[in-house]
Protein backbone atom coordinates (compact mmCIF):
# COMPACT_ATOMS: atom_id res chain seq x y z
CA UNK A 1 7.07 -11.21 -75.62
CA UNK A 2 4.67 -8.94 -75.66
CA UNK A 3 5.26 -7.36 -71.89
CA UNK A 4 9.42 -7.65 -72.83
CA UNK A 5 8.38 -5.23 -76.01
CA UNK A 6 6.06 -2.76 -74.08
CA UNK A 7 9.57 -2.74 -71.53
CA UNK A 8 11.67 -2.18 -74.13
CA UNK A 9 9.98 0.53 -76.00
CA UNK A 10 9.04 2.55 -72.91
CA UNK A 11 12.83 2.98 -71.91
CA UNK A 12 13.46 3.52 -75.71
CA UNK A 13 12.13 7.21 -74.93
CA UNK A 14 12.58 7.13 -71.00
CA UNK A 15 12.01 11.29 -70.77
CA UNK A 16 8.79 11.51 -72.03
CA UNK A 17 7.82 7.99 -70.17
CA UNK A 18 8.61 9.91 -67.24
CA UNK A 19 6.99 12.64 -67.72
CA UNK A 20 3.83 10.28 -68.34
CA UNK A 21 4.01 8.24 -65.77
CA UNK A 22 4.30 11.59 -63.24
CA UNK A 23 1.49 13.09 -64.72
CA UNK A 24 -0.51 9.79 -63.76
CA UNK A 25 1.25 9.89 -60.49
CA UNK A 26 0.49 13.68 -59.63
CA UNK A 27 -3.59 12.76 -60.99
CA UNK A 28 -3.57 9.38 -58.24
CA UNK A 29 -2.13 11.93 -55.94
CA UNK A 30 -5.03 14.79 -56.46
CA UNK A 31 -7.43 12.46 -56.53
CA UNK A 32 -6.81 10.65 -53.34
CA UNK A 33 -6.38 14.21 -51.88
CA UNK A 34 -9.93 15.49 -53.15
CA UNK A 35 -11.76 11.92 -51.54
CA UNK A 36 -10.01 12.53 -48.66
CA UNK A 37 -10.90 15.96 -48.21
CA UNK A 38 -14.48 15.17 -49.53
CA UNK A 39 -14.98 11.85 -46.91
CA UNK A 40 -13.41 14.24 -44.00
CA UNK A 41 -16.04 16.80 -45.15
CA UNK A 42 -19.15 14.55 -45.31
CA UNK A 43 -18.12 12.88 -41.74
CA UNK A 44 -17.76 16.21 -39.93
CA UNK A 45 -20.40 18.07 -41.15
CA UNK A 46 -22.83 15.26 -40.46
CA UNK A 47 -21.02 14.67 -37.60
CA UNK A 48 -22.02 18.00 -36.04
CA UNK A 49 -25.57 18.30 -37.88
CA UNK A 50 -26.65 15.59 -35.90
CA UNK A 51 -25.97 17.38 -32.60
CA UNK A 52 -29.22 19.80 -33.51
CA UNK A 53 -30.83 17.29 -35.72
CA UNK A 54 -30.62 14.03 -34.95
CA UNK A 55 -30.66 11.35 -38.12
CA UNK A 56 -34.48 11.53 -37.77
CA UNK A 57 -36.46 14.99 -35.97
CA UNK A 58 -39.93 14.63 -35.32
CA UNK A 59 -41.87 18.43 -34.48
CA UNK A 60 -44.73 20.41 -34.81
CA UNK A 61 -45.22 21.44 -38.83
CA UNK A 62 -46.10 24.53 -38.19
CA UNK A 63 -42.79 25.29 -35.70
CA UNK A 64 -41.29 24.35 -38.62
CA UNK A 65 -42.62 26.56 -40.82
CA UNK A 66 -41.67 29.70 -38.32
CA UNK A 67 -37.90 28.24 -36.73
CA UNK A 68 -36.48 31.19 -36.52
CA UNK A 69 -39.48 32.48 -34.21
CA UNK A 70 -38.55 29.55 -31.85
CA UNK A 71 -42.04 29.88 -30.55
CA UNK A 72 -43.19 27.51 -28.14
CA UNK A 73 -46.43 28.39 -28.85
CA UNK A 74 -46.10 24.62 -31.59
CA UNK A 75 -44.75 21.87 -29.88
CA UNK A 76 -44.63 18.04 -29.12
CA UNK A 77 -47.20 17.41 -26.69
CA UNK A 78 -47.70 14.07 -24.72
CA UNK A 79 -44.73 13.69 -24.60
CA UNK A 80 -44.05 10.83 -22.44
CA UNK A 81 -46.36 8.86 -24.27
CA UNK A 82 -44.86 9.64 -27.77
CA UNK A 83 -41.36 8.37 -26.37
CA UNK A 84 -42.38 5.23 -25.08
CA UNK A 85 -44.18 4.48 -28.32
CA UNK A 86 -41.17 5.72 -30.64
CA UNK A 87 -38.63 3.79 -27.93
CA UNK A 88 -40.51 0.30 -29.16
CA UNK A 89 -39.51 0.89 -32.55
CA UNK A 90 -36.76 -2.13 -33.74
CA UNK A 91 -33.10 0.38 -35.26
CA UNK A 92 -33.73 3.30 -32.66
CA UNK A 93 -30.77 4.10 -30.74
CA UNK A 94 -31.65 6.91 -28.90
CA UNK A 95 -34.54 9.38 -28.79
CA UNK A 96 -34.03 12.90 -27.12
CA UNK A 97 -36.08 15.35 -26.69
CA UNK A 98 -35.52 18.96 -26.84
CA UNK A 99 -36.36 22.29 -26.04
CA UNK A 100 -34.89 25.05 -28.12
CA UNK A 101 -35.74 28.65 -27.45
CA UNK A 102 -34.01 31.89 -27.87
CA UNK A 103 -32.53 33.24 -24.67
CA UNK A 104 -30.31 36.04 -23.32
CA UNK A 105 -27.48 35.95 -21.40
CA UNK A 106 -26.76 38.50 -18.74
CA UNK A 107 -24.05 39.16 -16.67
CA UNK A 108 -24.65 41.39 -13.58
CA UNK A 109 -26.96 43.52 -15.74
CA UNK A 110 -23.67 44.63 -17.40
CA UNK A 111 -23.04 42.71 -20.00
CA UNK A 112 -26.04 41.18 -22.21
CA UNK A 113 -25.95 38.61 -24.88
CA UNK A 114 -28.64 36.78 -27.01
CA UNK A 115 -27.92 33.13 -28.01
CA UNK A 116 -29.94 29.43 -28.25
CA UNK A 117 -30.82 27.47 -25.36
CA UNK A 118 -30.52 23.59 -26.05
CA UNK A 119 -32.23 21.96 -23.29
CA UNK A 120 -31.27 18.07 -22.96
CA UNK A 121 -31.82 15.26 -21.13
CA UNK A 122 -28.26 15.29 -19.17
CA UNK A 123 -28.38 11.15 -18.17
CA UNK A 124 -28.57 10.08 -21.80
CA UNK A 125 -26.12 8.50 -23.42
CA UNK A 126 -25.85 10.48 -26.43
CA UNK A 127 -26.13 13.40 -25.65
CA UNK A 128 -23.98 12.71 -22.42
CA UNK A 129 -20.55 11.54 -24.68
CA UNK A 130 -21.77 14.44 -27.38
CA UNK A 131 -21.24 17.08 -24.78
CA UNK A 132 -18.65 15.33 -22.45
CA UNK A 133 -15.97 15.09 -25.48
CA UNK A 134 -16.18 18.57 -25.84
CA UNK A 135 -15.63 19.96 -22.72
CA UNK A 136 -12.32 22.19 -22.57
CA UNK A 137 -12.93 22.62 -19.15
CA UNK A 138 -14.65 21.94 -15.99
CA UNK A 139 -17.24 18.83 -15.94
CA UNK A 140 -20.26 17.08 -16.52
CA UNK A 141 -20.95 16.11 -13.68
CA UNK A 142 -22.25 18.95 -11.59
CA UNK A 143 -24.82 18.53 -15.01
CA UNK A 144 -26.28 15.29 -13.89
CA UNK A 145 -27.08 16.25 -10.56
CA UNK A 146 -30.62 16.38 -9.55
CA UNK A 147 -31.09 19.20 -6.95
CA UNK A 148 -34.40 19.82 -5.31
CA UNK A 149 -36.72 22.48 -6.23
CA UNK A 150 -36.39 25.35 -3.82
CA UNK A 151 -36.63 28.49 -5.76
CA UNK A 152 -33.29 29.05 -3.84
CA UNK A 153 -30.88 26.61 -5.76
CA UNK A 154 -28.51 27.87 -8.70
CA UNK A 155 -28.94 25.61 -11.58
CA UNK A 156 -26.19 24.53 -14.04
CA UNK A 157 -25.29 25.34 -17.48
CA UNK A 158 -22.43 24.56 -19.96
CA UNK A 159 -21.78 27.14 -21.94
CA UNK A 160 -19.89 27.07 -26.26
CA UNK A 161 -16.54 28.76 -25.86
CA UNK A 162 -18.17 31.46 -28.14
CA UNK A 163 -20.51 32.73 -25.35
CA UNK A 164 -17.76 32.76 -23.05
CA UNK A 165 -15.86 35.03 -25.33
CA UNK A 166 -18.83 37.20 -26.10
CA UNK A 167 -19.09 37.88 -21.98
CA UNK A 168 -15.83 39.17 -21.84
CA UNK A 169 -13.83 35.32 -20.83
CA UNK A 170 -16.24 34.10 -17.87
CA UNK A 171 -15.21 30.88 -16.35
CA UNK A 172 -16.30 28.00 -14.93
CA UNK A 173 -17.85 28.40 -11.33
CA UNK A 174 -19.27 32.11 -12.43
CA UNK A 175 -22.99 32.93 -12.21
CA UNK A 176 -24.92 33.76 -15.18
CA UNK A 177 -28.81 34.98 -15.10
CA UNK A 178 -30.61 33.44 -18.34
CA UNK A 179 -33.53 35.42 -19.06
CA UNK A 180 -36.31 34.36 -20.91
CA UNK A 181 -39.81 33.53 -22.83
CA UNK A 182 -42.60 31.32 -20.28
CA UNK A 183 -44.89 29.12 -22.59
CA UNK A 184 -47.78 31.92 -21.93
CA UNK A 185 -45.70 34.55 -23.38
CA UNK A 186 -44.48 35.97 -19.69
CA UNK A 187 -40.18 36.92 -19.14
CA UNK A 188 -39.26 35.04 -16.78
CA UNK A 189 -35.08 34.54 -15.18
CA UNK A 190 -33.55 32.72 -13.31
CA UNK A 191 -29.88 32.01 -12.16
CA UNK A 192 -27.04 29.56 -13.71
CA UNK A 193 -24.06 28.57 -12.27
CA UNK A 194 -21.17 27.61 -15.32
CA UNK A 195 -20.11 24.15 -15.01
CA UNK A 196 -18.53 23.41 -17.76
CA UNK A 197 -17.15 25.40 -21.33
CA UNK A 198 -17.50 23.22 -24.34
CA UNK A 199 -15.65 23.79 -27.53
CA UNK A 200 -17.60 21.87 -30.59
CA UNK A 201 -15.45 23.02 -33.44
CA UNK A 202 -18.18 24.66 -34.76
CA UNK A 203 -19.17 27.92 -34.63
CA UNK A 204 -22.73 27.75 -34.33
CA UNK A 205 -22.57 25.02 -31.80
CA UNK A 206 -20.49 27.14 -29.81
CA UNK A 207 -22.83 29.60 -29.38
CA UNK A 208 -25.28 27.64 -27.53
CA UNK A 209 -26.32 27.24 -23.63
CA UNK A 210 -27.16 23.98 -22.75
CA UNK A 211 -29.56 23.28 -19.74
CA UNK A 212 -30.96 20.35 -18.14
CA UNK A 213 -34.18 19.63 -19.55
CA UNK A 214 -36.14 19.07 -16.62
CA UNK A 215 -35.03 22.62 -15.60
CA UNK A 216 -36.05 24.41 -18.50
CA UNK A 217 -39.32 23.03 -18.70
CA UNK A 218 -40.25 23.60 -14.68
CA UNK A 219 -39.19 27.59 -15.72
CA UNK A 220 -41.34 27.88 -18.90
CA UNK A 221 -43.66 25.52 -18.27
CA UNK A 222 -42.65 22.97 -20.81
CA UNK A 223 -44.15 20.00 -18.73
CA UNK A 224 -44.15 16.96 -20.64
CA UNK A 225 -43.90 18.83 -23.65
CA UNK A 226 -40.48 19.41 -26.12
CA UNK A 227 -39.88 21.56 -28.98
CA UNK A 228 -38.51 18.93 -30.98
CA UNK A 229 -38.00 14.62 -30.42
CA UNK A 230 -34.44 13.71 -31.92
CA UNK A 231 -34.64 10.45 -33.28
CA UNK A 232 -30.77 8.45 -34.05
CA UNK A 233 -30.50 5.64 -35.05
CA UNK A 234 -28.41 2.33 -35.43
CA UNK A 235 -27.80 2.68 -39.27
CA UNK A 236 -28.01 5.04 -41.81
CA UNK A 237 -29.25 2.75 -44.14
CA UNK A 238 -32.97 2.55 -44.13
CA UNK A 239 -33.76 6.24 -42.83
CA UNK A 240 -36.64 6.72 -45.04
CA UNK A 241 -38.23 2.92 -43.78
CA UNK A 242 -37.28 3.80 -40.52
CA UNK A 243 -38.89 7.58 -40.73
CA UNK A 244 -42.37 5.53 -41.91
CA UNK A 245 -42.35 3.86 -38.82
CA UNK A 246 -42.58 6.49 -36.82
CA UNK A 247 -45.08 8.50 -38.18
CA UNK A 248 -47.23 5.29 -38.56
CA UNK A 249 -46.50 5.42 -34.26
CA UNK A 250 -47.23 8.79 -33.99
CA UNK A 251 -50.23 8.81 -36.19
CA UNK A 252 -50.56 12.88 -35.69
CA UNK A 253 -51.44 15.29 -38.65
CA UNK A 254 -49.87 18.10 -37.03
CA UNK A 255 -46.45 16.46 -36.28
CA UNK A 256 -43.65 16.08 -38.90
CA UNK A 257 -41.28 13.27 -39.65
CA UNK A 258 -38.16 14.15 -41.63
CA UNK A 259 -34.69 12.96 -41.66
CA UNK A 260 -31.91 14.98 -41.03
CA UNK A 261 -31.09 15.16 -44.94
CA UNK A 262 -34.50 16.99 -45.93
CA UNK A 263 -34.27 19.72 -43.73
CA UNK A 264 -33.91 23.29 -45.37
CA UNK A 265 -31.68 23.20 -48.54
CA UNK A 266 -29.59 20.18 -46.86
CA UNK A 267 -30.26 17.68 -49.60
CA UNK A 268 -29.86 20.36 -52.56
CA UNK A 269 -26.04 21.55 -50.22
CA UNK A 270 -24.51 18.03 -50.26
CA UNK A 271 -25.80 17.24 -53.98
CA UNK A 272 -23.71 20.46 -54.84
CA UNK A 273 -20.48 19.38 -52.66
CA UNK A 274 -20.68 15.88 -54.61
CA UNK A 275 -20.91 17.57 -57.80
CA UNK A 276 -18.03 19.87 -57.44
CA UNK A 277 -15.61 17.13 -56.15
CA UNK A 278 -17.42 15.05 -59.17
CA UNK A 279 -15.97 18.01 -61.32
CA UNK A 280 -12.80 18.36 -59.66
CA UNK A 281 -11.69 15.27 -59.43
CA UNK A 282 -13.10 14.80 -63.76
CA UNK A 283 -11.07 17.55 -64.63
CA UNK A 284 -8.25 15.57 -62.83
CA UNK A 285 -8.96 12.55 -64.59
CA UNK A 286 -9.36 14.41 -68.24
CA UNK A 287 -6.02 16.07 -67.94
CA UNK A 288 -3.72 12.83 -66.77
CA UNK A 289 -6.01 11.26 -69.83
CA UNK A 290 -4.69 13.16 -72.39
CA UNK A 291 -1.38 13.40 -71.43
CA UNK A 292 -1.15 9.31 -71.94
CA UNK A 293 -2.77 9.83 -75.09
CA UNK A 294 -0.81 12.39 -76.43
CA UNK A 295 2.01 9.84 -74.89
CA UNK A 296 0.93 7.00 -76.95
CA UNK A 297 0.31 8.76 -80.14
CA UNK A 298 3.72 10.04 -80.51
CA UNK A 299 5.23 6.65 -79.74
CA UNK A 300 2.70 5.51 -82.78
CA UNK A 301 4.20 7.83 -85.10
CA UNK A 302 7.29 7.27 -84.05
CA UNK A 303 7.20 3.78 -84.35
CA UNK A 304 5.21 3.75 -87.77
CA UNK A 305 7.72 1.74 -89.51
CA UNK A 306 8.35 -0.76 -86.58
CA UNK A 307 4.65 -1.61 -86.67
CA UNK A 308 4.63 -2.59 -89.80
CA UNK A 309 7.65 -4.28 -89.64
CA UNK A 310 5.71 -6.50 -87.07
CA UNK A 311 2.88 -7.00 -88.74
CA UNK A 312 5.20 -8.24 -91.57
CA UNK A 313 6.76 -10.77 -89.77
CA UNK A 314 2.94 -12.20 -88.48
CA UNK A 315 1.57 -9.66 -85.82
CA UNK A 316 -1.77 -9.47 -85.60
CA UNK A 317 -3.98 -6.53 -84.94
CA UNK A 318 -4.92 -7.54 -81.72
CA UNK A 319 -1.25 -8.09 -80.64
CA UNK A 320 -0.18 -4.63 -81.93
CA UNK A 321 -3.94 -3.30 -79.89
CA UNK A 322 -2.58 -5.39 -77.20
CA UNK A 323 1.35 -3.90 -77.18
CA UNK A 324 0.05 -0.18 -76.72
CA UNK A 325 -2.23 -0.99 -74.20
CA UNK A 326 0.26 -2.95 -71.77
CA UNK A 327 2.57 0.47 -72.62
CA UNK A 328 -0.17 2.16 -70.92
CA UNK A 329 -1.17 -0.04 -68.16
CA UNK A 330 2.85 -0.17 -67.23
CA UNK A 331 2.75 3.42 -67.18
CA UNK A 332 -0.16 3.35 -65.03
CA UNK A 333 1.69 0.75 -62.64
CA UNK A 334 4.24 3.33 -62.03
CA UNK A 335 2.40 6.42 -61.90
CA UNK A 336 0.30 5.27 -59.38
CA UNK A 337 2.61 3.37 -57.25
CA UNK A 338 4.57 7.01 -56.71
CA UNK A 339 1.05 8.68 -56.65
CA UNK A 340 -0.75 6.77 -54.44
CA UNK A 341 2.25 7.01 -51.68
CA UNK A 342 2.64 10.68 -51.94
CA UNK A 343 -1.38 10.63 -51.65
CA UNK A 344 -1.31 8.03 -48.44
CA UNK A 345 1.75 11.26 -46.57
CA UNK A 346 -1.06 13.80 -48.18
CA UNK A 347 -4.21 12.41 -46.43
CA UNK A 348 -2.54 11.85 -43.60
CA UNK A 349 -1.57 15.48 -43.22
CA UNK A 350 -5.19 16.63 -43.82
CA UNK A 351 -6.31 14.06 -41.19
CA UNK A 352 -3.81 15.67 -38.75
CA UNK A 353 -3.82 19.45 -39.55
CA UNK A 354 -6.95 19.52 -42.23
CA UNK A 355 -7.75 23.14 -43.91
CA UNK A 356 -8.75 26.25 -42.23
CA UNK A 357 -12.04 27.80 -43.77
CA UNK A 358 -12.32 30.46 -40.64
CA UNK A 359 -13.61 33.16 -43.58
CA UNK A 360 -16.27 35.33 -42.65
CA UNK A 361 -18.65 33.27 -44.83
CA UNK A 362 -17.79 30.45 -42.13
CA UNK A 363 -18.77 32.76 -39.08
CA UNK A 364 -21.99 33.63 -39.88
CA UNK A 365 -23.31 30.73 -41.34
CA UNK A 366 -26.50 29.15 -39.90
CA UNK A 367 -25.02 25.55 -40.51
CA UNK A 368 -22.62 24.02 -37.75
CA UNK A 369 -19.29 24.16 -39.56
CA UNK A 370 -16.13 23.87 -38.08
CA UNK A 371 -13.04 26.30 -38.66
CA UNK A 372 -10.77 23.55 -39.86
CA UNK A 373 -12.23 20.62 -41.84
CA UNK A 374 -10.03 17.13 -41.26
CA UNK A 375 -9.82 14.72 -43.99
CA UNK A 376 -10.64 10.96 -43.63
CA UNK A 377 -8.18 8.77 -45.46
CA UNK A 378 -8.94 4.90 -45.81
CA UNK A 379 -7.64 2.14 -47.79
CA UNK A 380 -11.02 2.71 -50.05
CA UNK A 381 -9.91 5.88 -50.85
CA UNK A 382 -6.55 4.88 -52.16
CA UNK A 383 -7.82 1.67 -53.67
CA UNK A 384 -10.24 3.92 -55.73
CA UNK A 385 -7.27 6.61 -56.68
CA UNK A 386 -5.58 3.63 -58.40
CA UNK A 387 -7.99 2.31 -60.14
CA UNK A 388 -9.12 5.39 -61.56
CA UNK A 389 -5.41 6.12 -62.51
CA UNK A 390 -5.33 2.93 -64.21
CA UNK A 391 -8.23 3.22 -65.96
CA UNK A 392 -6.90 6.57 -67.48
CA UNK A 393 -3.57 4.80 -68.38
CA UNK A 394 -5.40 2.10 -70.20
CA UNK A 395 -8.17 4.21 -71.72
CA UNK A 396 -5.39 6.66 -72.62
CA UNK A 397 -4.07 4.04 -74.50
CA UNK A 398 -6.77 2.44 -76.62
CA UNK A 399 -7.21 5.40 -79.20
CA UNK A 400 -3.72 5.30 -79.98
CA UNK A 401 -3.61 1.74 -80.07
CA UNK A 402 -6.63 1.17 -82.76
CA UNK A 403 -4.67 3.78 -84.98
CA UNK A 404 -1.86 1.60 -84.76
CA UNK A 405 -3.43 -1.32 -85.49
CA UNK A 406 -5.03 0.11 -88.42
CA UNK A 407 -1.78 1.17 -90.58
CA UNK A 408 -1.34 -0.73 -93.76
CA UNK A 409 2.08 -2.79 -93.38
CA UNK A 410 3.00 -1.87 -96.96
CA UNK A 411 2.51 1.85 -96.20
CA UNK A 412 3.95 1.42 -92.59
CA UNK A 413 6.98 0.02 -94.27
CA UNK A 414 8.09 2.74 -96.69
CA UNK A 415 7.43 5.37 -94.30
């Protein structure tokens, strides 16, 4: 009976009911869009960042303090022994030694551009997968070749698309000269043939050049050494415990072991991102809740006499409260249905097209941020938005429902 009464009351003022349901629908729609964008931003940010940091990175403490210098003075020694220890720890998927250093790329002595060289092990599955899927021209296969140590051979390099543009549109097969500083602070140079061009979808990563670590170690006198070790875990859960195990295995006070969220201001940046989206979603829910509350208050004021009749014929306080809560729930169900349908289409659009953020600040920031941020829609997001929409609808009805239940029957009948 309460359900029938609630349905009739909503149809009595259909225009106001539709406006309220529409507000809940918009609330659900925008919550789905916000959560889809947040999930996509976190996923792409983490995915791109892990290319340069890993889940956990191991490096010299002094190198961290003076990281902008990219000095080869503070490095990880005894690389082979450390790799053996780390790869034996359960929960580690891959340990990738890296040599990161500043270099100058020269073309025929006429065009130069300074950039970062990431020297990596091309045979490692994770390193190969990350580069191969970003290749837009050329092939990864030449990068795997182990040529002899003849000084006449031309080594291989994979270049980011931004470096190619900066140097005047080089192509696969062109030879460039890379100038670098050795571990003993001597200036040296070597020729490299471009075997592939990558587009990592992030400006910072597209400025890198990638060289096999064995080649770079030979050139800069870094045999059995690396500037950092990137540890990729089987799961992002329990990284702190895994970092403690790595620290114990290394047992070196000069070596720093840190999770990727502890690097620089990343932790505070992610917290800020959560807060911003939390505030946006909170405002959306608040506005929708006020709309529902306003509708239900108007319903109470208009139906004061009817409420008195219901009380006079034996309706109890809890039944009056339940009646208005059911009305709010029905409005919520209608709103979240249409809102979730629109939200799914909106989320699919964000997944396919994304939002372009290629502004000047995004171009200059030192972190790997993509030009276009794609969303990630999931059933969990839709479910959360539906539950929030229903909670707003019912929550906005609580106050008016209690107000209706507190009305005196005699006063209600006289109004």
